[in-house]
Amino acid sequence: MSTQSNMVKVAVVGGEGIGPEVTAQSRRVLDWFAAKRGVPMTLREAQYGLIPYLATGKVLPEDTAEAMDEADAILWGATGGPETTEVPAAARKAGSLLGLRSKYDLYANLRPIVASPALSASAPLKAEVLDGVDFVIIRELTSGIYFGEPRGIETLPDGQRRGFNTEQYTTNQIRRVARSAFELARTRHNKVCSVDKANVLETSVVWREEVIKLHKEEFSDVELTHLYVDNAAMQIVREPRQFDVMVTGNIFGDILSDCAAMASGSLGMLPSASLGPVDRFGRRKALYEPVHGSAPDIAGKGIANPLGSILSVAMLLRLTLNRPEDADLLEKAVQTALASGARTADIAEAGAKKLSTVQMGDAVLGALDKISAKEHA
């Protein structure tokens, strides 16, 4: 990568399944912003998963690790799928996405949920439910049950097998992600909903108490409410427009954000940003990825929806590159493409023409050209 100090370094890692297909369209969008808007960034592509494993014995080879280590931001595609059975569990674990989140301390996972009016006809929820939906789920990403110890599978004396995992949170782990939620809410509609299961789980009791303490000490100007996770899931489907910023733990955030995908039209539409702590220079490591998985059933068919990945680029422009106007431009281009009838199979109404992954990328790039031309006319 370039060593120019003003250039933001971006590692582009397509990964597995549909990851490389959707990320290729995001790369086209990044190239457009570099060429047409002068966005100061250098890109380095790197491989992850089965292909590098077959060549090197590692799902995360040295050159990919180096690219990600030196990058300010990582644009990630997807990982996982049946094809990964060719990779031994130990090798998979050694280069896992959970490991990368831990390595870079990417503790705050932001998942914006925005309903597109253009998709109201194909969305699973009624149009009146989706009207005006615009909120963000912040999921704690490096603690909780996915990382807790002890964990494992054992055989009991009577021959039964037992699997066990440990859910745990500390004051600092809770407070730093809650602080992210309060700070974000101050830039939006000043409302935070904290989600837990404090009526059953001790970890959630501590979670709620620490969020309340932090709110009282530093963020009393922000409206704070609380929901149990089961009620939160129902409310996301019943009346999603009530939310502004929702903050919750790792496993609850994982589940709720997929549920919330129904309030945006499709899981393929959802972007995300995983952010690390701010260093002494004011920088923070970030990983951007679509929320969808590797979708091996459609991998290689060229029909995957790239908009989750492309909208992740918008988050990259806003949060790492500090280019909010460019982020707004890209989000507007996506909505313009959708309003013109651009649809991949997952968001297509009955009888609508279904675009390929590349054609959807074409539609977004075409919209960028048109909007940009109008701005300079």
Protein backbone atom coordinates (compact mmCIF):
# COMPACT_ATOMS: atom_id res chain seq x y z
CA MET A 1 0.00 0.00 0.00
CA SER A 2 1.00 3.62 -0.44
CA THR A 3 2.91 5.19 2.43
CA GLN A 4 1.48 8.66 1.77
CA SER A 5 0.29 9.94 5.15
CA ASN A 6 -2.91 11.47 3.80
CA MET A 7 -4.03 8.25 2.12
CA VAL A 8 -6.43 6.00 3.99
CA LYS A 9 -5.47 2.35 3.58
CA VAL A 10 -8.28 -0.07 2.78
CA ALA A 11 -7.85 -3.85 2.65
CA VAL A 12 -10.45 -5.49 0.39
CA VAL A 13 -11.07 -9.11 1.40
CA GLY A 14 -13.86 -10.87 -0.51
CA GLY A 15 -13.68 -14.12 1.44
CA GLU A 16 -15.94 -17.06 0.59
CA GLY A 17 -19.28 -17.90 -0.98
CA ILE A 18 -20.91 -14.81 -2.47
CA GLY A 19 -18.40 -12.60 -0.65
CA PRO A 20 -16.05 -12.06 -3.62
CA GLU A 21 -19.00 -11.39 -5.96
CA VAL A 22 -20.59 -8.64 -3.88
CA THR A 23 -17.26 -7.18 -2.81
CA ALA A 24 -16.23 -6.83 -6.47
CA GLN A 25 -19.11 -4.38 -6.90
CA SER A 26 -18.06 -2.46 -3.79
CA ARG A 27 -14.56 -2.26 -5.21
CA ARG A 28 -16.00 -0.66 -8.36
CA VAL A 29 -17.77 1.89 -6.16
CA LEU A 30 -14.57 2.65 -4.22
CA ASP A 31 -12.72 3.11 -7.52
CA TRP A 32 -15.45 5.52 -8.67
CA PHE A 33 -15.07 7.68 -5.56
CA ALA A 34 -11.29 7.69 -5.90
CA ALA A 35 -11.45 8.70 -9.57
CA LYS A 36 -14.48 11.01 -9.59
CA ARG A 37 -14.43 12.54 -6.11
CA GLY A 38 -10.75 12.43 -5.26
CA VAL A 39 -11.24 10.34 -2.13
CA PRO A 40 -7.73 9.80 -0.70
CA MET A 41 -7.38 6.06 -0.31
CA THR A 42 -5.27 3.16 -1.45
CA LEU A 43 -6.74 -0.30 -1.91
CA ARG A 44 -5.12 -3.68 -1.43
CA GLU A 45 -6.97 -6.86 -2.29
CA ALA A 46 -6.33 -10.02 -0.33
CA GLN A 47 -7.72 -13.55 -0.16
CA TYR A 48 -9.34 -15.41 2.71
CA GLY A 49 -10.84 -18.87 3.13
CA LEU A 50 -10.74 -22.09 1.17
CA ILE A 51 -8.72 -20.89 -1.82
CA PRO A 52 -5.70 -19.61 0.16
CA TYR A 53 -5.97 -22.62 2.49
CA LEU A 54 -5.53 -25.02 -0.41
CA ALA A 55 -2.46 -23.04 -1.49
CA THR A 56 -0.89 -22.18 1.86
CA GLY A 57 -2.50 -24.34 4.55
CA LYS A 58 -4.00 -21.19 6.14
CA VAL A 59 -7.42 -19.60 5.68
CA LEU A 60 -5.77 -16.35 6.67
CA PRO A 61 -2.37 -16.35 4.90
CA GLU A 62 0.47 -14.05 5.89
CA ASP A 63 -0.02 -11.52 3.08
CA THR A 64 -3.71 -11.14 3.98
CA ALA A 65 -2.89 -10.70 7.66
CA GLU A 66 -0.32 -8.08 6.71
CA ALA A 67 -2.80 -6.22 4.51
CA MET A 68 -5.37 -6.11 7.30
CA ASP A 69 -2.82 -5.20 9.98
CA GLU A 70 -1.64 -2.13 8.11
CA ALA A 71 -5.09 -1.06 6.91
CA ASP A 72 -7.15 1.70 8.47
CA ALA A 73 -10.28 -0.06 7.26
CA ILE A 74 -11.11 -3.57 6.07
CA LEU A 75 -13.87 -4.15 3.52
CA TRP A 76 -14.95 -7.73 4.20
CA GLY A 77 -17.12 -10.02 2.09
CA ALA A 78 -18.30 -13.19 3.81
CA THR A 79 -17.04 -16.39 5.37
CA GLY A 80 -18.38 -19.91 5.88
CA GLY A 81 -20.49 -22.44 4.02
CA PRO A 82 -20.45 -26.18 3.20
CA GLU A 83 -17.27 -25.80 1.17
CA THR A 84 -15.42 -25.05 4.41
CA THR A 85 -15.67 -28.71 5.42
CA GLU A 86 -12.49 -29.07 3.38
CA VAL A 87 -10.76 -26.90 5.96
CA PRO A 88 -9.96 -28.59 9.31
CA ALA A 89 -11.65 -27.03 12.34
CA ALA A 90 -8.31 -25.99 13.87
CA ALA A 91 -7.27 -24.14 10.72
CA ARG A 92 -10.67 -22.47 10.49
CA LYS A 93 -10.52 -21.34 14.11
CA ALA A 94 -6.98 -20.00 13.71
CA GLY A 95 -8.16 -17.52 11.08
CA SER A 96 -11.76 -17.00 12.15
CA LEU A 97 -13.71 -13.76 11.90
CA LEU A 98 -14.31 -13.93 15.66
CA GLY A 99 -10.55 -14.04 16.08
CA LEU A 100 -10.13 -10.95 13.90
CA ARG A 101 -12.75 -9.08 15.90
CA SER A 102 -10.86 -9.93 19.06
CA LYS A 103 -7.43 -9.15 17.58
CA TYR A 104 -8.45 -5.65 16.51
CA ASP A 105 -10.80 -5.15 19.50
CA LEU A 106 -13.72 -4.31 17.20
CA TYR A 107 -16.14 -4.01 20.09
CA ALA A 108 -18.90 -1.83 18.57
CA ASN A 109 -20.87 -3.28 15.67
CA LEU A 110 -23.19 -0.74 14.00
CA ARG A 111 -26.04 -2.08 11.88
CA PRO A 112 -28.29 0.61 10.36
CA ILE A 113 -31.86 -0.43 9.62
CA VAL A 114 -33.43 1.82 6.99
CA ALA A 115 -36.60 0.94 5.11
CA SER A 116 -36.57 1.83 1.43
CA PRO A 117 -39.93 3.09 0.14
CA ALA A 118 -39.07 1.56 -3.25
CA LEU A 119 -39.11 -1.92 -1.70
CA SER A 120 -42.44 -1.67 0.11
CA ALA A 121 -44.15 -4.00 -2.36
CA SER A 122 -41.64 -6.81 -1.89
CA ALA A 123 -40.88 -6.34 1.81
CA PRO A 124 -42.16 -9.01 4.24
CA LEU A 125 -43.76 -6.34 6.48
CA LYS A 126 -46.63 -4.03 5.57
CA ALA A 127 -45.78 -0.67 4.02
CA GLU A 128 -47.43 1.24 6.86
CA VAL A 129 -45.22 -0.58 9.37
CA LEU A 130 -42.08 0.26 7.41
CA ASP A 131 -42.89 3.91 6.78
CA GLY A 132 -40.18 6.09 8.32
CA VAL A 133 -38.06 3.26 9.72
CA ASP A 134 -34.51 4.49 10.37
CA PHE A 135 -32.62 3.17 13.38
CA VAL A 136 -29.26 1.68 14.29
CA ILE A 137 -28.52 -1.46 16.27
CA ILE A 138 -25.22 -1.35 18.14
CA ARG A 139 -24.12 -4.85 19.04
CA GLU A 140 -21.30 -5.48 21.50
CA LEU A 141 -18.97 -7.64 19.43
CA THR A 142 -15.94 -8.89 21.37
CA SER A 143 -17.37 -10.23 24.63
CA GLY A 144 -20.40 -12.14 25.86
CA ILE A 145 -21.21 -15.77 25.23
CA TYR A 146 -19.28 -15.99 21.95
CA PHE A 147 -16.02 -15.33 23.76
CA GLY A 148 -16.71 -16.48 27.35
CA GLU A 149 -14.76 -19.24 29.07
CA PRO A 150 -15.16 -22.01 30.05
CA ARG A 151 -16.74 -23.49 26.97
CA GLY A 152 -16.69 -26.92 25.41
CA ILE A 153 -18.30 -30.32 24.97
CA GLU A 154 -17.82 -33.10 27.49
CA THR A 155 -19.07 -36.61 28.21
CA LEU A 156 -20.68 -37.07 31.61
CA PRO A 157 -20.14 -40.17 33.80
CA ASP A 158 -23.51 -41.56 32.71
CA GLY A 159 -22.52 -41.33 29.04
CA GLN A 160 -24.55 -38.25 28.17
CA ARG A 161 -22.84 -35.43 26.28
CA ARG A 162 -23.00 -31.89 27.57
CA GLY A 163 -22.23 -28.67 25.72
CA PHE A 164 -21.57 -25.53 27.72
CA ASN A 165 -20.80 -21.86 27.09
CA THR A 166 -20.26 -18.95 29.44
CA GLU A 167 -21.99 -15.58 29.19
CA GLN A 168 -20.15 -12.79 30.99
CA TYR A 169 -19.70 -9.03 30.85
CA THR A 170 -17.57 -6.59 32.83
CA THR A 171 -18.25 -2.96 33.68
CA ASN A 172 -15.78 -1.65 31.10
CA GLN A 173 -17.06 -3.91 28.32
CA ILE A 174 -20.62 -2.69 28.89
CA ARG A 175 -19.80 0.97 29.37
CA ARG A 176 -17.71 1.45 26.26
CA VAL A 177 -20.34 0.06 23.91
CA ALA A 178 -23.11 1.92 25.74
CA ARG A 179 -21.08 5.11 25.40
CA SER A 180 -20.92 4.51 21.63
CA ALA A 181 -24.72 4.27 21.60
CA PHE A 182 -25.26 7.46 23.60
CA GLU A 183 -22.77 9.40 21.50
CA LEU A 184 -24.41 8.22 18.27
CA ALA A 185 -27.88 9.07 19.59
CA ARG A 186 -26.75 12.65 20.19
CA THR A 187 -26.15 12.97 16.43
CA ARG A 188 -29.56 11.46 15.58
CA HIS A 189 -32.83 11.72 17.56
CA ASN A 190 -31.34 11.49 21.06
CA LYS A 191 -32.96 8.18 22.04
CA VAL A 192 -31.30 4.96 23.20
CA CYS A 193 -33.06 1.67 23.89
CA SER A 194 -30.93 -0.81 25.84
CA VAL A 195 -31.91 -4.46 25.34
CA ASP A 196 -31.18 -7.22 27.85
CA LYS A 197 -32.77 -10.12 29.74
CA ALA A 198 -32.38 -8.74 33.25
CA ASN A 199 -35.39 -10.67 34.53
CA VAL A 200 -33.49 -13.94 34.07
CA LEU A 201 -29.74 -13.40 33.53
CA GLU A 202 -27.24 -11.98 36.02
CA THR A 203 -25.10 -10.67 33.15
CA SER A 204 -28.12 -8.66 32.03
CA VAL A 205 -28.67 -7.32 35.55
CA VAL A 206 -25.12 -5.96 35.49
CA TRP A 207 -25.64 -4.72 31.90
CA ARG A 208 -28.75 -2.73 32.82
CA GLU A 209 -27.26 -1.31 36.01
CA GLU A 210 -24.09 -0.15 34.26
CA VAL A 211 -26.01 1.43 31.38
CA ILE A 212 -28.19 3.31 33.87
CA LYS A 213 -25.14 4.52 35.83
CA LEU A 214 -23.38 5.73 32.70
CA HIS A 215 -26.52 7.48 31.53
CA LYS A 216 -26.89 9.30 34.86
CA GLU A 217 -23.21 10.29 34.97
CA GLU A 218 -22.60 11.42 31.38
CA PHE A 219 -25.67 11.26 29.14
CA SER A 220 -28.71 12.41 31.10
CA ASP A 221 -29.70 14.58 28.11
CA VAL A 222 -30.37 11.41 26.06
CA GLU A 223 -33.67 9.57 26.48
CA LEU A 224 -32.99 6.04 27.77
CA THR A 225 -35.42 3.13 27.73
CA HIS A 226 -35.02 -0.60 28.35
CA LEU A 227 -36.58 -3.69 26.76
CA TYR A 228 -36.21 -7.40 27.41
CA VAL A 229 -34.86 -9.08 24.29
CA ASP A 230 -38.01 -11.10 23.56
CA ASN A 231 -40.16 -7.96 23.66
CA ALA A 232 -37.56 -6.11 21.56
CA ALA A 233 -37.86 -8.74 18.83
CA MET A 234 -41.63 -8.32 18.82
CA GLN A 235 -41.41 -4.51 18.78
CA ILE A 236 -38.98 -4.52 15.83
CA VAL A 237 -41.60 -6.34 13.79
CA ARG A 238 -44.63 -4.55 15.28
CA GLU A 239 -43.47 -0.92 15.26
CA PRO A 240 -39.82 -0.52 14.17
CA ARG A 241 -40.11 3.24 13.67
CA GLN A 242 -40.16 3.74 17.47
CA PHE A 243 -36.41 3.09 17.66
CA ASP A 244 -33.47 5.44 17.14
CA VAL A 245 -30.40 3.69 18.59
CA MET A 246 -30.64 0.22 20.12
CA VAL A 247 -27.70 -1.18 22.10
CA THR A 248 -27.36 -4.77 23.25
CA GLY A 249 -25.00 -7.66 23.89
CA ASN A 250 -23.31 -9.95 21.42
CA ILE A 251 -25.76 -12.82 21.01
CA PHE A 252 -28.88 -10.64 21.33
CA GLY A 253 -27.51 -8.22 18.73
CA ASP A 254 -26.71 -11.06 16.37
CA ILE A 255 -30.29 -12.33 16.49
CA LEU A 256 -32.11 -8.98 16.60
CA SER A 257 -30.24 -7.50 13.64
CA ASP A 258 -31.30 -10.41 11.42
CA CYS A 259 -34.85 -9.95 12.66
CA ALA A 260 -34.57 -6.24 11.86
CA ALA A 261 -33.57 -7.11 8.30
CA MET A 262 -37.26 -7.65 7.69
CA ALA A 263 -37.74 -3.94 8.43
CA SER A 264 -35.34 -3.05 5.62
CA GLY A 265 -36.72 -5.38 2.95
CA SER A 266 -34.01 -8.04 2.81
CA LEU A 267 -30.99 -9.32 4.69
CA GLY A 268 -29.03 -8.59 1.52
CA MET A 269 -29.66 -4.87 2.04
CA LEU A 270 -27.99 -4.57 5.45
CA PRO A 271 -24.51 -3.05 5.87
CA SER A 272 -22.45 -2.99 9.05
CA ALA A 273 -19.40 -1.39 10.60
CA SER A 274 -17.33 -2.92 13.40
CA LEU A 275 -15.28 -0.28 15.22
CA GLY A 276 -12.32 -0.52 17.55
CA PRO A 277 -11.19 1.95 20.23
CA VAL A 278 -9.96 5.41 19.25
CA ASP A 279 -6.16 5.64 19.53
CA ARG A 280 -4.09 8.62 20.66
CA PHE A 281 -4.04 9.95 17.10
CA GLY A 282 -7.84 9.94 16.89
CA ARG A 283 -7.94 6.92 14.58
CA ARG A 284 -9.83 3.68 15.06
CA LYS A 285 -9.58 0.34 13.27
CA ALA A 286 -12.76 -0.59 11.41
CA LEU A 287 -14.13 -3.55 9.50
CA TYR A 288 -17.05 -3.04 7.10
CA GLU A 289 -19.17 -5.92 5.85
CA PRO A 290 -22.67 -6.80 4.70
CA VAL A 291 -24.69 -8.54 7.40
CA HIS A 292 -25.58 -11.48 5.14
CA GLY A 293 -23.49 -14.62 5.20
CA SER A 294 -21.72 -16.52 2.44
CA ALA A 295 -24.99 -17.92 0.94
CA PRO A 296 -23.28 -20.98 -0.63
CA ASP A 297 -26.53 -22.04 -2.30
CA ILE A 298 -26.26 -19.11 -4.73
CA ALA A 299 -22.49 -18.61 -4.77
CA GLY A 300 -21.06 -18.44 -8.26
CA LYS A 301 -24.42 -17.81 -9.90
CA GLY A 302 -23.95 -14.05 -10.16
CA ILE A 303 -27.35 -13.29 -8.63
CA ALA A 304 -26.42 -12.14 -5.11
CA ASN A 305 -27.53 -8.69 -3.92
CA PRO A 306 -24.44 -6.43 -3.60
CA LEU A 307 -26.27 -3.54 -1.92
CA GLY A 308 -25.40 -4.61 1.64
CA SER A 309 -21.74 -4.50 0.66
CA ILE A 310 -22.12 -1.24 -1.29
CA LEU A 311 -23.92 0.41 1.63
CA SER A 312 -21.06 -0.79 3.85
CA VAL A 313 -18.85 1.38 1.63
CA ALA A 314 -21.11 4.32 2.50
CA MET A 315 -20.39 3.62 6.18
CA LEU A 316 -16.67 3.46 5.38
CA LEU A 317 -16.88 6.84 3.66
CA ARG A 318 -18.66 8.34 6.65
CA LEU A 319 -16.87 6.76 9.60
CA THR A 320 -13.28 6.14 8.45
CA LEU A 321 -12.77 8.59 5.60
CA ASN A 322 -14.81 11.34 7.26
CA ARG A 323 -16.58 12.08 3.97
CA PRO A 324 -20.24 12.42 5.02
CA GLU A 325 -21.21 14.15 1.77
CA ASP A 326 -19.83 11.25 -0.25
CA ALA A 327 -21.59 8.77 2.03
CA ASP A 328 -24.86 10.63 1.49
CA LEU A 329 -24.23 10.60 -2.27
CA LEU A 330 -23.75 6.84 -2.33
CA GLU A 331 -26.82 6.18 -0.21
CA LYS A 332 -28.83 8.45 -2.51
CA ALA A 333 -27.50 6.56 -5.54
CA VAL A 334 -28.64 3.24 -4.06
CA GLN A 335 -32.12 4.63 -3.40
CA THR A 336 -32.19 6.13 -6.92
CA ALA A 337 -31.30 2.76 -8.44
CA LEU A 338 -34.03 1.06 -6.41
CA ALA A 339 -36.57 3.74 -7.30
CA SER A 340 -35.79 3.17 -10.99
CA GLY A 341 -36.75 -0.48 -10.59
CA ALA A 342 -33.33 -2.10 -10.14
CA ARG A 343 -33.88 -5.42 -8.34
CA THR A 344 -31.89 -8.53 -7.60
CA ALA A 345 -33.83 -11.74 -7.01
CA ASP A 346 -34.08 -11.35 -3.23
CA ILE A 347 -35.89 -7.98 -3.42
CA ALA A 348 -37.82 -8.40 -6.67
CA GLU A 349 -41.60 -8.07 -6.76
CA ALA A 350 -43.59 -10.69 -8.64
CA GLY A 351 -43.02 -10.22 -12.35
CA ALA A 352 -40.17 -7.73 -11.91
CA LYS A 353 -37.00 -8.04 -13.96
CA LYS A 354 -34.21 -9.57 -11.89
CA LEU A 355 -30.76 -8.08 -12.26
CA SER A 356 -27.50 -9.92 -11.81
CA THR A 357 -24.98 -8.87 -9.18
CA VAL A 358 -22.95 -6.98 -11.78
CA GLN A 359 -26.04 -5.33 -13.26
CA MET A 360 -27.03 -4.02 -9.83
CA GLY A 361 -23.52 -2.63 -9.50
CA ASP A 362 -24.00 -1.01 -12.92
CA ALA A 363 -27.27 0.55 -11.72
CA VAL A 364 -25.65 2.12 -8.67
CA LEU A 365 -22.69 3.42 -10.66
CA GLY A 366 -25.05 4.82 -13.28
CA ALA A 367 -27.00 6.60 -10.55
CA LEU A 368 -23.76 8.01 -9.11
CA ASP A 369 -22.85 9.41 -12.53
CA LYS A 370 -26.28 11.00 -13.03
CA ILE A 371 -26.50 12.55 -9.56
CA SER A 372 -22.94 13.81 -9.72
CA ALA A 373 -23.53 15.34 -13.16
CA LYS A 374 -26.62 17.18 -11.90
CA GLU A 375 -24.67 18.56 -8.92
CA HIS A 376 -22.06 20.03 -11.25
CA ALA A 377 -24.47 21.20 -13.96
